[in-house]
Amino acid sequence: MRDLTVETRQQENRTPVAAGLALTPPLGQDYWSHRVRITDRQAIVAFPKFSSIGIGFAVEAEDWNCNLPYRCDAEEIYEHIEPNKGDDAISRETCIAAIRLLQGAIQAQQEGSSDG
């Protein structure tokens, strides 16, 4: 298993709002604020969505919009996004560890931004 590390970058929230309704932002493997690479071809990413941060796989083979808010339980997020894993060699435990790393990084960032 590769060492799991959280990568971060600035990501503008691209959630479109039309007539007061928020629509799903244009998701893709390059839309992320936090990422944990699992393999050379797959990562679990966190990204701005609506007024929260969603977590899902970077490469979504089955469902292009399969993610849950970062505040959900890590196991619940994994069960929801698992169909997009794309590689049976990626273990459940690795994915849940990656999700927990993302949740911790997002929580720390949010706490840091509220210290103002």
C-alpha atoms as a PDB file:
ATOM      1  CA  MET A   1       0.000   0.000   0.000  1.00  0.00           C
ATOM      2  CA  ARG A   2       1.262   3.472  -0.815  1.00  0.00           C
ATOM      3  CA  ASP A   3       1.707   6.012   1.969  1.00  0.00           C
ATOM      4  CA  LEU A   4      -1.463   8.037   2.267  1.00  0.00           C
ATOM      5  CA  THR A   5      -1.011  11.791   2.336  1.00  0.00           C
ATOM      6  CA  VAL A   6      -3.415  14.650   1.902  1.00  0.00           C
ATOM      7  CA  GLU A   7      -2.660  17.091  -0.887  1.00  0.00           C
ATOM      8  CA  THR A   8      -4.407  20.464  -0.775  1.00  0.00           C
ATOM      9  CA  ARG A   9      -4.926  23.321  -3.172  1.00  0.00           C
ATOM     10  CA  GLN A  10      -7.222  26.269  -3.666  1.00  0.00           C
ATOM     11  CA  GLN A  11     -10.368  25.251  -5.519  1.00  0.00           C
ATOM     12  CA  GLU A  12     -13.039  27.761  -6.377  1.00  0.00           C
ATOM     13  CA  ASN A  13     -16.536  26.521  -5.608  1.00  0.00           C
ATOM     14  CA  ARG A  14     -18.049  26.000  -9.068  1.00  0.00           C
ATOM     15  CA  THR A  15     -21.551  25.165  -7.852  1.00  0.00           C
ATOM     16  CA  PRO A  16     -23.822  26.964 -10.338  1.00  0.00           C
ATOM     17  CA  VAL A  17     -26.837  28.796  -8.978  1.00  0.00           C
ATOM     18  CA  ALA A  18     -29.747  29.496 -11.307  1.00  0.00           C
ATOM     19  CA  ALA A  19     -33.014  31.111 -10.206  1.00  0.00           C
ATOM     20  CA  GLY A  20     -32.079  30.474  -6.573  1.00  0.00           C
ATOM     21  CA  LEU A  21     -31.406  26.760  -7.118  1.00  0.00           C
ATOM     22  CA  ALA A  22     -27.949  25.287  -6.599  1.00  0.00           C
ATOM     23  CA  LEU A  23     -26.988  22.736  -9.249  1.00  0.00           C
ATOM     24  CA  THR A  24     -24.249  20.115  -9.138  1.00  0.00           C
ATOM     25  CA  PRO A  25     -20.889  21.675 -10.030  1.00  0.00           C
ATOM     26  CA  PRO A  26     -19.001  20.283 -13.035  1.00  0.00           C
ATOM     27  CA  LEU A  27     -17.202  17.420 -11.312  1.00  0.00           C
ATOM     28  CA  GLY A  28     -14.134  15.636 -12.623  1.00  0.00           C
ATOM     29  CA  GLN A  29     -10.748  14.342 -11.560  1.00  0.00           C
ATOM     30  CA  ASP A  30      -9.309  17.868 -11.687  1.00  0.00           C
ATOM     31  CA  TYR A  31     -11.953  19.410  -9.414  1.00  0.00           C
ATOM     32  CA  TRP A  32     -10.675  19.026  -5.864  1.00  0.00           C
ATOM     33  CA  SER A  33      -9.486  20.987  -2.863  1.00  0.00           C
ATOM     34  CA  HIS A  34      -8.104  17.961  -0.990  1.00  0.00           C
ATOM     35  CA  ARG A  35      -6.870  14.688  -2.428  1.00  0.00           C
ATOM     36  CA  VAL A  36      -5.401  11.410  -1.214  1.00  0.00           C
ATOM     37  CA  ARG A  37      -3.823   9.349  -3.999  1.00  0.00           C
ATOM     38  CA  ILE A  38      -4.487   5.651  -3.617  1.00  0.00           C
ATOM     39  CA  THR A  39      -2.950   4.352  -6.855  1.00  0.00           C
ATOM     40  CA  ASP A  40      -1.401   5.957  -9.912  1.00  0.00           C
ATOM     41  CA  ARG A  41      -4.858   6.056 -11.480  1.00  0.00           C
ATOM     42  CA  GLN A  42      -7.185   6.635  -8.534  1.00  0.00           C
ATOM     43  CA  ALA A  43      -7.569   9.038  -5.634  1.00  0.00           C
ATOM     44  CA  ILE A  44     -10.235   9.998  -3.169  1.00  0.00           C
ATOM     45  CA  VAL A  45     -10.969  13.692  -3.458  1.00  0.00           C
ATOM     46  CA  ALA A  46     -12.812  16.367  -1.523  1.00  0.00           C
ATOM     47  CA  PHE A  47     -14.279  19.356  -3.331  1.00  0.00           C
ATOM     48  CA  PRO A  48     -16.630  22.284  -2.801  1.00  0.00           C
ATOM     49  CA  LYS A  49     -20.218  21.306  -3.535  1.00  0.00           C
ATOM     50  CA  PHE A  50     -23.203  23.430  -2.621  1.00  0.00           C
ATOM     51  CA  SER A  51     -22.384  24.901   0.796  1.00  0.00           C
ATOM     52  CA  SER A  52     -20.308  21.927   1.943  1.00  0.00           C
ATOM     53  CA  ILE A  53     -17.429  19.724   0.847  1.00  0.00           C
ATOM     54  CA  GLY A  54     -18.148  16.458  -0.957  1.00  0.00           C
ATOM     55  CA  ILE A  55     -15.963  13.340  -0.923  1.00  0.00           C
ATOM     56  CA  GLY A  56     -15.783  10.841  -3.773  1.00  0.00           C
ATOM     57  CA  PHE A  57     -13.416   9.051  -6.119  1.00  0.00           C
ATOM     58  CA  ALA A  58     -11.471  11.170  -8.606  1.00  0.00           C
ATOM     59  CA  VAL A  59     -12.182   8.766 -11.458  1.00  0.00           C
ATOM     60  CA  GLU A  60     -15.824   7.746 -11.451  1.00  0.00           C
ATOM     61  CA  ALA A  61     -16.487   4.749 -13.669  1.00  0.00           C
ATOM     62  CA  GLU A  62     -20.071   3.960 -12.692  1.00  0.00           C
ATOM     63  CA  ASP A  63     -21.720   7.198 -11.533  1.00  0.00           C
ATOM     64  CA  TRP A  64     -20.318  10.626 -12.405  1.00  0.00           C
ATOM     65  CA  ASN A  65     -21.932  12.225  -9.354  1.00  0.00           C
ATOM     66  CA  CYS A  66     -21.363   9.782  -6.520  1.00  0.00           C
ATOM     67  CA  ASN A  67     -20.196  11.557  -3.378  1.00  0.00           C
ATOM     68  CA  LEU A  68     -21.359  12.493   0.099  1.00  0.00           C
ATOM     69  CA  PRO A  69     -20.673  15.449   2.407  1.00  0.00           C
ATOM     70  CA  TYR A  70     -17.449  15.141   4.379  1.00  0.00           C
ATOM     71  CA  ARG A  71     -19.340  15.223   7.696  1.00  0.00           C
ATOM     72  CA  CYS A  72     -20.910  11.813   6.995  1.00  0.00           C
ATOM     73  CA  ASP A  73     -19.403   8.753   8.634  1.00  0.00           C
ATOM     74  CA  ALA A  74     -16.307   7.493   6.764  1.00  0.00           C
ATOM     75  CA  GLU A  75     -17.776   4.001   6.370  1.00  0.00           C
ATOM     76  CA  GLU A  76     -21.032   5.470   5.003  1.00  0.00           C
ATOM     77  CA  ILE A  77     -19.089   7.549   2.472  1.00  0.00           C
ATOM     78  CA  TYR A  78     -17.097   4.513   1.386  1.00  0.00           C
ATOM     79  CA  GLU A  79     -20.195   2.332   0.939  1.00  0.00           C
ATOM     80  CA  HIS A  80     -21.806   5.065  -1.162  1.00  0.00           C
ATOM     81  CA  ILE A  81     -18.809   5.745  -3.439  1.00  0.00           C
ATOM     82  CA  GLU A  82     -17.437   2.167  -3.638  1.00  0.00           C
ATOM     83  CA  PRO A  83     -19.006   1.362  -7.046  1.00  0.00           C
ATOM     84  CA  ASN A  84     -16.621   3.946  -8.557  1.00  0.00           C
ATOM     85  CA  LYS A  85     -13.473   2.417  -7.041  1.00  0.00           C
ATOM     86  CA  GLY A  86     -12.544   0.946 -10.416  1.00  0.00           C
ATOM     87  CA  ASP A  87      -9.861  -1.408  -9.103  1.00  0.00           C
ATOM     88  CA  ASP A  88     -10.605  -4.446  -6.927  1.00  0.00           C
ATOM     89  CA  ALA A  89      -7.024  -4.326  -5.601  1.00  0.00           C
ATOM     90  CA  ILE A  90      -7.884  -1.139  -3.678  1.00  0.00           C
ATOM     91  CA  SER A  91      -8.963  -2.242  -0.216  1.00  0.00           C
ATOM     92  CA  ARG A  92     -11.899  -0.978   1.795  1.00  0.00           C
ATOM     93  CA  GLU A  93      -9.521  -0.236   4.678  1.00  0.00           C
ATOM     94  CA  THR A  94      -7.286   1.936   2.481  1.00  0.00           C
ATOM     95  CA  CYS A  95     -10.272   3.905   1.237  1.00  0.00           C
ATOM     96  CA  ILE A  96     -11.693   4.467   4.710  1.00  0.00           C
ATOM     97  CA  ALA A  97      -8.255   5.568   5.970  1.00  0.00           C
ATOM     98  CA  ALA A  98      -8.034   8.029   3.051  1.00  0.00           C
ATOM     99  CA  ILE A  99     -11.531   9.364   3.771  1.00  0.00           C
ATOM    100  CA  ARG A 100     -10.658   9.875   7.442  1.00  0.00           C
ATOM    101  CA  LEU A 101      -7.485  11.739   6.464  1.00  0.00           C
ATOM    102  CA  LEU A 102      -9.553  14.021   4.231  1.00  0.00           C
ATOM    103  CA  GLN A 103     -12.135  14.582   6.950  1.00  0.00           C
ATOM    104  CA  GLY A 104      -9.413  15.503   9.444  1.00  0.00           C
ATOM    105  CA  ALA A 105      -7.716  17.909   7.035  1.00  0.00           C
ATOM    106  CA  ILE A 106     -11.008  19.608   6.150  1.00  0.00           C
ATOM    107  CA  GLN A 107     -12.010  19.883   9.810  1.00  0.00           C
ATOM    108  CA  ALA A 108      -8.609  21.375  10.736  1.00  0.00           C
ATOM    109  CA  GLN A 109      -8.824  23.846   7.858  1.00  0.00           C
ATOM    110  CA  GLN A 110     -12.342  24.890   8.829  1.00  0.00           C
ATOM    111  CA  GLU A 111     -11.358  25.341  12.465  1.00  0.00           C
ATOM    112  CA  GLY A 112      -8.325  27.376  11.395  1.00  0.00           C
ATOM    113  CA  SER A 113     -10.403  29.662   9.221  1.00  0.00           C
ATOM    114  CA  SER A 114     -12.837  30.386  12.065  1.00  0.00           C
ATOM    115  CA  ASP A 115     -10.080  31.506  14.485  1.00  0.00           C
ATOM    116  CA  GLY A 116     -10.084  34.980  12.848  1.00  0.00           C
END
